[in-house]
Structures are given as structure tokens and as C-alpha cells.
PDB file of N, CA and C in Angstrom:
ATOM      1  N   MET A   1       0.948  -1.277   0.375  1.00  0.00           N
ATOM      2  CA  MET A   1      -0.073  -0.330   0.005  1.00  0.00           C
ATOM      3  C   MET A   1       1.321   1.367   0.004  1.00  0.00           C
ATOM      4  N   LYS A   2       2.146   1.260   1.157  1.00  0.00           N
ATOM      5  CA  LYS A   2       3.078   2.346   0.505  1.00  0.00           C
ATOM      6  C   LYS A   2       3.589   2.615  -0.872  1.00  0.00           C
ATOM      7  N   MET A   3       3.651   1.480  -1.158  1.00  0.00           N
ATOM      8  CA  MET A   3       4.193   1.588  -2.751  1.00  0.00           C
ATOM      9  C   MET A   3       3.673   2.180  -3.945  1.00  0.00           C
ATOM     10  N   LEU A   4       2.239   2.320  -3.459  1.00  0.00           N
ATOM     11  CA  LEU A   4       1.013   2.213  -4.431  1.00  0.00           C
ATOM     12  C   LEU A   4       0.992   3.750  -4.247  1.00  0.00           C
ATOM     13  N   LEU A   5       1.019   4.420  -3.060  1.00  0.00           N
ATOM     14  CA  LEU A   5       0.946   5.577  -2.580  1.00  0.00           C
ATOM     15  C   LEU A   5       1.406   6.253  -3.081  1.00  0.00           C
ATOM     16  N   GLY A   6       3.205   5.983  -2.946  1.00  0.00           N
ATOM     17  CA  GLY A   6       3.761   7.045  -3.356  1.00  0.00           C
ATOM     18  C   GLY A   6       4.211   6.641  -4.684  1.00  0.00           C
ATOM     19  N   ALA A   7       4.406   5.939  -5.480  1.00  0.00           N
ATOM     20  CA  ALA A   7       3.708   5.814  -6.856  1.00  0.00           C
ATOM     21  C   ALA A   7       2.785   6.989  -6.838  1.00  0.00           C
ATOM     22  N   ILE A   8       1.704   6.968  -6.877  1.00  0.00           N
ATOM     23  CA  ILE A   8       0.449   8.505  -6.826  1.00  0.00           C
ATOM     24  C   ILE A   8       1.397   9.057  -6.696  1.00  0.00           C
ATOM     25  N   ALA A   9       1.521   9.699  -5.947  1.00  0.00           N
ATOM     26  CA  ALA A   9       2.416  10.907  -5.079  1.00  0.00           C
ATOM     27  C   ALA A   9       3.068  11.382  -6.204  1.00  0.00           C
ATOM     28  N   LEU A  10       4.333   9.972  -6.602  1.00  0.00           N
ATOM     29  CA  LEU A  10       5.265  10.087  -7.980  1.00  0.00           C
ATOM     30  C   LEU A  10       4.609  11.311  -8.814  1.00  0.00           C
ATOM     31  N   THR A  11       3.968  10.114  -9.380  1.00  0.00           N
ATOM     32  CA  THR A  11       3.045  11.006 -10.450  1.00  0.00           C
ATOM     33  C   THR A  11       1.529  11.977 -10.631  1.00  0.00           C
ATOM     34  N   LEU A  12       1.739  12.855  -8.968  1.00  0.00           N
ATOM     35  CA  LEU A  12       1.085  13.885  -9.059  1.00  0.00           C
ATOM     36  C   LEU A  12       2.524  15.132  -9.549  1.00  0.00           C
ATOM     37  N   VAL A  13       3.174  14.561  -8.604  1.00  0.00           N
ATOM     38  CA  VAL A  13       4.305  15.711  -8.387  1.00  0.00           C
ATOM     39  C   VAL A  13       5.132  15.850  -9.719  1.00  0.00           C
ATOM     40  N   ILE A  14       4.764  14.848 -10.626  1.00  0.00           N
ATOM     41  CA  ILE A  14       5.358  14.205 -12.247  1.00  0.00           C
ATOM     42  C   ILE A  14       4.168  15.626 -13.301  1.00  0.00           C
ATOM     43  N   SER A  15       3.367  15.669 -13.257  1.00  0.00           N
ATOM     44  CA  SER A  15       2.319  15.717 -14.131  1.00  0.00           C
ATOM     45  C   SER A  15       1.747  17.595 -13.255  1.00  0.00           C
ATOM     46  N   ALA A  16       2.552  18.261 -12.111  1.00  0.00           N
ATOM     47  CA  ALA A  16       2.646  18.891 -12.007  1.00  0.00           C
ATOM     48  C   ALA A  16       3.571  19.560 -12.998  1.00  0.00           C
ATOM     49  N   PHE A  17       4.480  19.014 -12.832  1.00  0.00           N
ATOM     50  CA  PHE A  17       5.398  20.023 -13.032  1.00  0.00           C
ATOM     51  C   PHE A  17       5.712  20.148 -14.909  1.00  0.00           C
ATOM     52  N   ALA A  18       5.262  18.619 -15.163  1.00  0.00           N
ATOM     53  CA  ALA A  18       5.071  18.776 -16.637  1.00  0.00           C
ATOM     54  C   ALA A  18       3.818  19.747 -17.221  1.00  0.00           C
ATOM     55  N   ALA A  19       2.512  20.301 -16.585  1.00  0.00           N
ATOM     56  CA  ALA A  19       1.564  21.329 -16.756  1.00  0.00           C
ATOM     57  C   ALA A  19       2.086  22.688 -16.838  1.00  0.00           C
ATOM     58  N   PRO A  20       1.735  23.136 -18.123  1.00  0.00           N
ATOM     59  CA  PRO A  20       2.743  23.528 -19.079  1.00  0.00           C
ATOM     60  C   PRO A  20       2.419  24.909 -17.712  1.00  0.00           C
ATOM     61  N   LEU A  21       2.384  26.665 -17.617  1.00  0.00           N
ATOM     62  CA  LEU A  21       2.685  27.369 -16.280  1.00  0.00           C
ATOM     63  C   LEU A  21       1.175  28.636 -16.729  1.00  0.00           C
ATOM     64  N   ASP A  22       0.588  29.280 -16.413  1.00  0.00           N
ATOM     65  CA  ASP A  22       0.208  29.672 -16.534  1.00  0.00           C
ATOM     66  C   ASP A  22       0.003  31.017 -17.835  1.00  0.00           C
ATOM     67  N   ASP A  23      -0.277  30.212 -18.437  1.00  0.00           N
ATOM     68  CA  ASP A  23       0.151  30.896 -20.016  1.00  0.00           C
ATOM     69  C   ASP A  23       0.223  32.544 -19.773  1.00  0.00           C
ATOM     70  N   SER A  24      -0.385  33.247 -20.021  1.00  0.00           N
ATOM     71  CA  SER A  24      -0.090  34.887 -20.251  1.00  0.00           C
ATOM     72  C   SER A  24       1.600  35.310 -20.189  1.00  0.00           C
ATOM     73  N   ARG A  25       1.438  35.411 -18.347  1.00  0.00           N
ATOM     74  CA  ARG A  25       1.811  35.575 -17.225  1.00  0.00           C
ATOM     75  C   ARG A  25       3.402  35.508 -17.519  1.00  0.00           C
ATOM     76  N   ASN A  26       3.441  34.245 -17.998  1.00  0.00           N
ATOM     77  CA  ASN A  26       5.128  32.855 -18.636  1.00  0.00           C
ATOM     78  C   ASN A  26       4.551  33.467 -19.798  1.00  0.00           C
ATOM     79  N   ALA A  27       4.139  33.204 -20.393  1.00  0.00           N
ATOM     80  CA  ALA A  27       4.450  33.069 -21.313  1.00  0.00           C
ATOM     81  C   ALA A  27       6.130  34.144 -22.223  1.00  0.00           C
ATOM     82  N   GLU A  28       6.633  33.366 -23.195  1.00  0.00           N
ATOM     83  CA  GLU A  28       7.542  33.853 -23.791  1.00  0.00           C
ATOM     84  C   GLU A  28       7.401  34.314 -25.364  1.00  0.00           C
ATOM     85  N   ILE A  29       8.372  35.027 -25.832  1.00  0.00           N
ATOM     86  CA  ILE A  29       8.866  35.242 -27.333  1.00  0.00           C
ATOM     87  C   ILE A  29       9.425  34.106 -27.962  1.00  0.00           C
ATOM     88  N   LEU A  30       8.427  33.277 -28.875  1.00  0.00           N
ATOM     89  CA  LEU A  30       9.213  32.547 -29.327  1.00  0.00           C
ATOM     90  C   LEU A  30       9.093  32.358 -30.561  1.00  0.00           C
ATOM     91  N   ARG A  31       8.954  33.710 -31.993  1.00  0.00           N
ATOM     92  CA  ARG A  31       9.247  34.535 -32.862  1.00  0.00           C
ATOM     93  C   ARG A  31       8.820  36.152 -32.949  1.00  0.00           C
ATOM     94  N   TYR A  32       9.646  37.040 -33.741  1.00  0.00           N
ATOM     95  CA  TYR A  32       9.595  38.544 -33.499  1.00  0.00           C
ATOM     96  C   TYR A  32      10.406  38.776 -34.624  1.00  0.00           C
ATOM     97  N   SER A  33       9.261  39.233 -36.178  1.00  0.00           N
ATOM     98  CA  SER A  33       9.336  40.264 -36.896  1.00  0.00           C
ATOM     99  C   SER A  33       8.979  41.495 -36.860  1.00  0.00           C
ATOM    100  N   SER A  34       9.973  42.959 -36.905  1.00  0.00           N
ATOM    101  CA  SER A  34       9.179  43.746 -38.195  1.00  0.00           C
ATOM    102  C   SER A  34      10.714  44.199 -38.709  1.00  0.00           C
ATOM    103  N   GLU A  35       9.503  45.098 -39.814  1.00  0.00           N
ATOM    104  CA  GLU A  35       9.568  45.443 -40.832  1.00  0.00           C
ATOM    105  C   GLU A  35       9.868  47.131 -40.849  1.00  0.00           C
ATOM    106  N   ASN A  36      10.428  48.100 -40.588  1.00  0.00           N
ATOM    107  CA  ASN A  36       9.962  49.506 -40.743  1.00  0.00           C
ATOM    108  C   ASN A  36      10.422  49.442 -42.143  1.00  0.00           C
ATOM    109  N   ILE A  37       9.001  50.446 -43.166  1.00  0.00           N
ATOM    110  CA  ILE A  37       9.782  50.707 -44.317  1.00  0.00           C
ATOM    111  C   ILE A  37       9.471  52.044 -45.029  1.00  0.00           C
ATOM    112  N   GLY A  38       9.932  52.292 -43.685  1.00  0.00           N
ATOM    113  CA  GLY A  38       9.721  54.069 -43.997  1.00  0.00           C
ATOM    114  C   GLY A  38       8.436  54.217 -43.977  1.00  0.00           C
ATOM    115  N   ILE A  39       7.725  56.103 -44.935  1.00  0.00           N
ATOM    116  CA  ILE A  39       7.028  56.847 -44.698  1.00  0.00           C
ATOM    117  C   ILE A  39       5.718  55.844 -45.724  1.00  0.00           C
ATOM    118  N   ASP A  40       6.434  54.844 -46.296  1.00  0.00           N
ATOM    119  CA  ASP A  40       5.630  53.326 -46.940  1.00  0.00           C
ATOM    120  C   ASP A  40       4.918  53.075 -46.252  1.00  0.00           C
ATOM    121  N   GLY A  41       5.158  52.201 -44.307  1.00  0.00           N
ATOM    122  CA  GLY A  41       4.097  51.570 -44.103  1.00  0.00           C
ATOM    123  C   GLY A  41       5.385  50.534 -43.155  1.00  0.00           C
ATOM    124  N   TYR A  42       4.203  49.583 -42.665  1.00  0.00           N
ATOM    125  CA  TYR A  42       5.681  48.455 -41.649  1.00  0.00           C
ATOM    126  C   TYR A  42       5.059  46.929 -42.122  1.00  0.00           C
ATOM    127  N   ARG A  43       5.111  46.466 -41.475  1.00  0.00           N
ATOM    128  CA  ARG A  43       4.755  45.028 -41.448  1.00  0.00           C
ATOM    129  C   ARG A  43       5.926  44.631 -39.643  1.00  0.00           C
ATOM    130  N   PHE A  44       4.970  43.912 -39.077  1.00  0.00           N
ATOM    131  CA  PHE A  44       5.219  43.236 -37.958  1.00  0.00           C
ATOM    132  C   PHE A  44       4.595  41.732 -37.906  1.00  0.00           C
ATOM    133  N   GLU A  45       4.846  40.887 -36.915  1.00  0.00           N
ATOM    134  CA  GLU A  45       4.558  39.714 -37.283  1.00  0.00           C
ATOM    135  C   GLU A  45       5.560  39.028 -35.068  1.00  0.00           C
ATOM    136  N   PHE A  46       4.328  38.919 -34.179  1.00  0.00           N
ATOM    137  CA  PHE A  46       4.933  37.534 -33.080  1.00  0.00           C
ATOM    138  C   PHE A  46       4.445  36.606 -32.539  1.00  0.00           C
ATOM    139  N   ALA A  47       4.802  35.940 -32.182  1.00  0.00           N
ATOM    140  CA  ALA A  47       4.886  34.640 -31.885  1.00  0.00           C
ATOM    141  C   ALA A  47       5.056  34.037 -30.020  1.00  0.00           C
ATOM    142  N   THR A  48       3.839  33.554 -29.696  1.00  0.00           N
ATOM    143  CA  THR A  48       4.750  33.987 -27.788  1.00  0.00           C
ATOM    144  C   THR A  48       3.780  32.144 -28.032  1.00  0.00           C
ATOM    145  N   SER A  49       4.618  31.815 -26.271  1.00  0.00           N
ATOM    146  CA  SER A  49       4.596  30.197 -25.790  1.00  0.00           C
ATOM    147  C   SER A  49       3.396  30.290 -26.311  1.00  0.00           C
ATOM    148  N   ASP A  50       2.432  31.355 -24.750  1.00  0.00           N
ATOM    149  CA  ASP A  50       0.757  30.652 -24.694  1.00  0.00           C
ATOM    150  C   ASP A  50      -0.315  30.634 -26.142  1.00  0.00           C
ATOM    151  N   GLY A  51       0.165  30.505 -27.164  1.00  0.00           N
ATOM    152  CA  GLY A  51      -0.314  29.808 -28.195  1.00  0.00           C
ATOM    153  C   GLY A  51      -1.180  31.290 -28.944  1.00  0.00           C
ATOM    154  N   THR A  52      -0.207  32.538 -28.078  1.00  0.00           N
ATOM    155  CA  THR A  52      -1.131  33.967 -29.189  1.00  0.00           C
ATOM    156  C   THR A  52      -0.233  34.172 -30.092  1.00  0.00           C
ATOM    157  N   SER A  53      -0.404  34.519 -31.134  1.00  0.00           N
ATOM    158  CA  SER A  53       0.263  35.000 -32.116  1.00  0.00           C
ATOM    159  C   SER A  53       0.044  36.441 -32.650  1.00  0.00           C
ATOM    160  N   ARG A  54       1.026  37.546 -33.162  1.00  0.00           N
ATOM    161  CA  ARG A  54       0.039  38.941 -34.651  1.00  0.00           C
ATOM    162  C   ARG A  54       0.676  39.009 -35.636  1.00  0.00           C
ATOM    163  N   THR A  55      -0.039  39.044 -36.749  1.00  0.00           N
ATOM    164  CA  THR A  55       0.402  39.699 -37.855  1.00  0.00           C
ATOM    165  C   THR A  55      -0.216  41.173 -38.411  1.00  0.00           C
ATOM    166  N   GLU A  56       1.241  42.216 -38.927  1.00  0.00           N
ATOM    167  CA  GLU A  56       0.456  43.242 -38.868  1.00  0.00           C
ATOM    168  C   GLU A  56       0.965  43.266 -40.361  1.00  0.00           C
ATOM    169  N   GLU A  57       0.193  44.120 -41.154  1.00  0.00           N
ATOM    170  CA  GLU A  57       1.638  45.420 -42.224  1.00  0.00           C
ATOM    171  C   GLU A  57       0.219  45.741 -42.675  1.00  0.00           C
ATOM    172  N   ALA A  58       0.938  47.951 -43.452  1.00  0.00           N
ATOM    173  CA  ALA A  58       0.307  48.055 -43.082  1.00  0.00           C
ATOM    174  C   ALA A  58       0.823  49.391 -44.640  1.00  0.00           C
ATOM    175  N   GLU A  59       0.167  50.489 -45.438  1.00  0.00           N
ATOM    176  CA  GLU A  59       0.397  50.972 -46.087  1.00  0.00           C
ATOM    177  C   GLU A  59      -0.165  51.919 -46.080  1.00  0.00           C
ATOM    178  N   LEU A  60       0.494  53.725 -47.025  1.00  0.00           N
ATOM    179  CA  LEU A  60      -0.285  54.843 -46.741  1.00  0.00           C
ATOM    180  C   LEU A  60      -0.717  54.857 -47.768  1.00  0.00           C
ATOM    181  N   ARG A  61      -2.034  55.034 -47.878  1.00  0.00           N
ATOM    182  CA  ARG A  61      -2.435  55.658 -49.212  1.00  0.00           C
ATOM    183  C   ARG A  61      -2.114  56.947 -49.507  1.00  0.00           C
ATOM    184  N   ASN A  62      -2.869  57.200 -51.231  1.00  0.00           N
ATOM    185  CA  ASN A  62      -2.949  58.336 -50.865  1.00  0.00           C
ATOM    186  C   ASN A  62      -1.452  59.636 -50.355  1.00  0.00           C
ATOM    187  N   PRO A  63      -0.452  59.747 -50.337  1.00  0.00           N
ATOM    188  CA  PRO A  63       1.074  60.084 -50.414  1.00  0.00           C
ATOM    189  C   PRO A  63       0.840  61.337 -50.648  1.00  0.00           C
ATOM    190  N   GLY A  64       1.055  61.980 -49.308  1.00  0.00           N
ATOM    191  CA  GLY A  64       1.225  63.794 -50.332  1.00  0.00           C
ATOM    192  C   GLY A  64      -0.440  64.074 -50.466  1.00  0.00           C
ATOM    193  N   THR A  65      -1.035  64.058 -50.199  1.00  0.00           N
ATOM    194  CA  THR A  65      -1.951  64.210 -50.556  1.00  0.00           C
ATOM    195  C   THR A  65      -3.436  64.813 -49.852  1.00  0.00           C
ATOM    196  N   ASP A  66      -3.931  65.586 -49.849  1.00  0.00           N
ATOM    197  CA  ASP A  66      -5.331  65.871 -48.679  1.00  0.00           C
ATOM    198  C   ASP A  66      -6.141  64.146 -48.274  1.00  0.00           C
ATOM    199  N   ASN A  67      -6.192  63.606 -48.946  1.00  0.00           N
ATOM    200  CA  ASN A  67      -6.865  61.964 -48.464  1.00  0.00           C
ATOM    201  C   ASN A  67      -5.672  60.709 -47.828  1.00  0.00           C
ATOM    202  N   GLU A  68      -4.380  61.691 -47.836  1.00  0.00           N
ATOM    203  CA  GLU A  68      -3.052  60.592 -47.162  1.00  0.00           C
ATOM    204  C   GLU A  68      -4.116  59.901 -46.428  1.00  0.00           C
ATOM    205  N   ALA A  69      -3.045  58.565 -46.226  1.00  0.00           N
ATOM    206  CA  ALA A  69      -4.647  57.908 -45.194  1.00  0.00           C
ATOM    207  C   ALA A  69      -3.569  56.460 -44.865  1.00  0.00           C
ATOM    208  N   ILE A  70      -3.438  55.681 -43.308  1.00  0.00           N
ATOM    209  CA  ILE A  70      -2.358  54.715 -43.463  1.00  0.00           C
ATOM    210  C   ILE A  70      -3.735  53.303 -44.087  1.00  0.00           C
ATOM    211  N   ALA A  71      -3.345  51.817 -43.768  1.00  0.00           N
ATOM    212  CA  ALA A  71      -4.551  50.940 -44.067  1.00  0.00           C
ATOM    213  C   ALA A  71      -3.723  49.820 -43.538  1.00  0.00           C
ATOM    214  N   VAL A  72      -3.994  49.872 -42.483  1.00  0.00           N
ATOM    215  CA  VAL A  72      -3.408  48.845 -41.992  1.00  0.00           C
ATOM    216  C   VAL A  72      -4.373  46.868 -41.857  1.00  0.00           C
ATOM    217  N   ARG A  73      -4.199  45.860 -42.151  1.00  0.00           N
ATOM    218  CA  ARG A  73      -4.538  44.609 -42.641  1.00  0.00           C
ATOM    219  C   ARG A  73      -3.649  43.962 -41.375  1.00  0.00           C
ATOM    220  N   GLY A  74      -4.556  42.723 -40.545  1.00  0.00           N
ATOM    221  CA  GLY A  74      -4.212  41.727 -40.266  1.00  0.00           C
ATOM    222  C   GLY A  74      -4.402  40.746 -39.343  1.00  0.00           C
ATOM    223  N   SER A  75      -4.237  40.590 -38.070  1.00  0.00           N
ATOM    224  CA  SER A  75      -4.522  39.396 -38.342  1.00  0.00           C
ATOM    225  C   SER A  75      -3.952  38.417 -36.777  1.00  0.00           C
ATOM    226  N   TYR A  76      -4.657  38.264 -35.893  1.00  0.00           N
ATOM    227  CA  TYR A  76      -4.211  38.216 -33.943  1.00  0.00           C
ATOM    228  C   TYR A  76      -4.590  36.912 -33.653  1.00  0.00           C
ATOM    229  N   SER A  77      -4.232  36.088 -33.273  1.00  0.00           N
ATOM    230  CA  SER A  77      -4.856  35.130 -32.118  1.00  0.00           C
ATOM    231  C   SER A  77      -4.840  33.958 -30.734  1.00  0.00           C
ATOM    232  N   TYR A  78      -5.292  33.927 -30.424  1.00  0.00           N
ATOM    233  CA  TYR A  78      -5.269  33.599 -28.927  1.00  0.00           C
ATOM    234  C   TYR A  78      -6.014  32.518 -28.515  1.00  0.00           C
ATOM    235  N   THR A  79      -5.765  31.642 -27.452  1.00  0.00           N
ATOM    236  CA  THR A  79      -6.556  30.557 -26.838  1.00  0.00           C
ATOM    237  C   THR A  79      -7.174  31.164 -25.265  1.00  0.00           C
ATOM    238  N   GLY A  80      -8.445  31.198 -25.306  1.00  0.00           N
ATOM    239  CA  GLY A  80      -9.297  31.934 -24.423  1.00  0.00           C
ATOM    240  C   GLY A  80      -9.955  31.150 -24.025  1.00  0.00           C
ATOM    241  N   PRO A  81     -10.014  30.370 -22.307  1.00  0.00           N
ATOM    242  CA  PRO A  81     -10.003  30.039 -21.065  1.00  0.00           C
ATOM    243  C   PRO A  81     -10.739  29.189 -21.237  1.00  0.00           C
ATOM    244  N   ASP A  82     -11.508  28.944 -22.532  1.00  0.00           N
ATOM    245  CA  ASP A  82     -12.433  27.841 -22.082  1.00  0.00           C
ATOM    246  C   ASP A  82     -11.409  26.873 -23.020  1.00  0.00           C
ATOM    247  N   GLY A  83      -9.728  27.084 -23.310  1.00  0.00           N
ATOM    248  CA  GLY A  83      -9.595  26.335 -24.463  1.00  0.00           C
ATOM    249  C   GLY A  83      -9.886  26.655 -26.355  1.00  0.00           C
ATOM    250  N   THR A  84     -10.031  27.487 -26.481  1.00  0.00           N
ATOM    251  CA  THR A  84     -10.684  27.487 -28.112  1.00  0.00           C
ATOM    252  C   THR A  84     -10.069  28.247 -28.806  1.00  0.00           C
ATOM    253  N   VAL A  85      -9.217  28.079 -29.759  1.00  0.00           N
ATOM    254  CA  VAL A  85      -7.997  29.267 -30.329  1.00  0.00           C
ATOM    255  C   VAL A  85      -9.001  30.341 -31.056  1.00  0.00           C
ATOM    256  N   TYR A  86      -9.397  31.482 -30.905  1.00  0.00           N
ATOM    257  CA  TYR A  86     -10.179  32.781 -31.536  1.00  0.00           C
ATOM    258  C   TYR A  86      -8.742  33.254 -32.710  1.00  0.00           C
ATOM    259  N   VAL A  87      -9.327  33.091 -33.460  1.00  0.00           N
ATOM    260  CA  VAL A  87      -8.072  34.576 -34.473  1.00  0.00           C
ATOM    261  C   VAL A  87     -10.054  35.410 -35.502  1.00  0.00           C
ATOM    262  N   ILE A  88      -8.788  36.542 -35.546  1.00  0.00           N
ATOM    263  CA  ILE A  88      -9.876  37.900 -35.708  1.00  0.00           C
ATOM    264  C   ILE A  88      -8.679  38.393 -37.191  1.00  0.00           C
ATOM    265  N   ASN A  89      -8.848  38.603 -37.973  1.00  0.00           N
ATOM    266  CA  ASN A  89      -8.742  39.077 -39.090  1.00  0.00           C
ATOM    267  C   ASN A  89      -9.628  40.560 -38.684  1.00  0.00           C
ATOM    268  N   TYR A  90      -8.824  41.430 -39.801  1.00  0.00           N
ATOM    269  CA  TYR A  90      -8.747  42.758 -39.623  1.00  0.00           C
ATOM    270  C   TYR A  90      -8.477  43.981 -40.812  1.00  0.00           C
ATOM    271  N   VAL A  91      -8.878  44.718 -40.705  1.00  0.00           N
ATOM    272  CA  VAL A  91      -8.568  45.569 -41.819  1.00  0.00           C
ATOM    273  C   VAL A  91      -8.703  47.498 -40.869  1.00  0.00           C
ATOM    274  N   ALA A  92      -7.624  48.232 -41.137  1.00  0.00           N
ATOM    275  CA  ALA A  92      -8.485  49.357 -40.388  1.00  0.00           C
ATOM    276  C   ALA A  92      -8.051  50.530 -41.113  1.00  0.00           C
ATOM    277  N   ASP A  93      -9.248  51.342 -41.120  1.00  0.00           N
ATOM    278  CA  ASP A  93      -8.501  52.302 -42.919  1.00  0.00           C
ATOM    279  C   ASP A  93      -9.368  53.294 -42.709  1.00  0.00           C
ATOM    280  N   GLU A  94      -9.553  54.025 -44.021  1.00  0.00           N
ATOM    281  CA  GLU A  94     -10.323  55.855 -43.549  1.00  0.00           C
ATOM    282  C   GLU A  94     -12.291  54.609 -43.332  1.00  0.00           C
ATOM    283  N   ASN A  95     -12.200  53.582 -43.227  1.00  0.00           N
ATOM    284  CA  ASN A  95     -14.022  52.939 -43.076  1.00  0.00           C
ATOM    285  C   ASN A  95     -14.081  52.742 -41.722  1.00  0.00           C
ATOM    286  N   GLY A  96     -12.515  52.716 -40.890  1.00  0.00           N
ATOM    287  CA  GLY A  96     -13.127  52.091 -40.108  1.00  0.00           C
ATOM    288  C   GLY A  96     -11.773  50.314 -39.129  1.00  0.00           C
ATOM    289  N   PHE A  97     -11.860  50.576 -37.542  1.00  0.00           N
ATOM    290  CA  PHE A  97     -11.782  48.530 -38.227  1.00  0.00           C
ATOM    291  C   PHE A  97     -12.830  48.555 -38.135  1.00  0.00           C
ATOM    292  N   GLN A  98     -12.415  47.213 -38.860  1.00  0.00           N
ATOM    293  CA  GLN A  98     -12.871  45.868 -39.209  1.00  0.00           C
ATOM    294  C   GLN A  98     -12.614  44.423 -39.094  1.00  0.00           C
ATOM    295  N   PRO A  99     -13.065  44.305 -37.977  1.00  0.00           N
ATOM    296  CA  PRO A  99     -12.423  42.952 -37.027  1.00  0.00           C
ATOM    297  C   PRO A  99     -13.186  41.390 -38.441  1.00  0.00           C
ATOM    298  N   GLU A 100     -12.840  40.196 -37.888  1.00  0.00           N
ATOM    299  CA  GLU A 100     -13.744  39.006 -38.903  1.00  0.00           C
ATOM    300  C   GLU A 100     -13.540  38.334 -37.739  1.00  0.00           C
ATOM    301  N   GLY A 101     -14.277  37.544 -37.666  1.00  0.00           N
ATOM    302  CA  GLY A 101     -13.730  36.284 -36.923  1.00  0.00           C
ATOM    303  C   GLY A 101     -14.749  35.428 -36.914  1.00  0.00           C
ATOM    304  N   ALA A 102     -14.670  33.837 -36.737  1.00  0.00           N
ATOM    305  CA  ALA A 102     -15.943  32.942 -36.587  1.00  0.00           C
ATOM    306  C   ALA A 102     -16.950  32.865 -35.953  1.00  0.00           C
ATOM    307  N   HIS A 103     -16.795  33.745 -34.327  1.00  0.00           N
ATOM    308  CA  HIS A 103     -17.188  34.095 -33.015  1.00  0.00           C
ATOM    309  C   HIS A 103     -16.949  34.921 -32.526  1.00  0.00           C
ATOM    310  N   ILE A 104     -17.022  36.152 -34.056  1.00  0.00           N
ATOM    311  CA  ILE A 104     -18.081  37.223 -34.053  1.00  0.00           C
ATOM    312  C   ILE A 104     -19.063  37.579 -34.627  1.00  0.00           C
ATOM    313  N   PRO A 105     -20.046  37.949 -34.118  1.00  0.00           N
ATOM    314  CA  PRO A 105     -21.496  38.197 -34.543  1.00  0.00           C
ATOM    315  C   PRO A 105     -21.262  39.352 -35.936  1.00  0.00           C
ATOM    316  N   LYS A 106     -22.076  38.677 -37.479  1.00  0.00           N
ATOM    317  CA  LYS A 106     -22.113  39.487 -38.622  1.00  0.00           C
ATOM    318  C   LYS A 106     -23.881  40.237 -38.212  1.00  0.00           C
TER     319      LYS A 106
END
């Protein structure tokens, strides 16, 4: 019986160490790149160990005119508390922020 209890205790200790850390507070950057392409726009992306990722790209539209505006297109994803991976694709331009995702009502 002592051997069985010892094995169970050891299994619990090993399981505790094998479980992922609290995701967001202990997340590490796995991938990061950034390109500032001057007045024409920018690009960046990153991914973290908690499953969060983001990519974004921007361009300057109508440079030097009264209608000059920056247009941004991107995507981000994260794992919610329920374990579901949420993905949001978006555009932000002269028409405002326009997100799309399977979980966002249309």
C-alpha cells in the first residue's frame, strides 16, 4: 500500500511539473520580426509560448494629398479560457476598424 501511495504521489508531482505554466503571465516570445519600411508603411509579426500570435502590415495610401491615410491589415489569435483558439482578421483604414472572426456576430 505504501508503494502504491508513493507511486501516486510521484505521478502527481511529475504531472504538476509537466503541466504548462500559467500561460499569459509566463509566456515567452517564440518568434518576432519587424520591418519599418519608412513612410510607406510597416510589417511585424510575433508568436508567444501561450499560443498568442499577431501579424500586421500597413501601407500609406494617397501620400502627399488631403486624402492621405494609413491602411492596416492584420490578424491575431489567442487561446481563450475555454481552450478555444480565437482568430481575428482585421482591416483598419479610412472606414474604421473592421474585425472578422468565426465568433464575432455579423
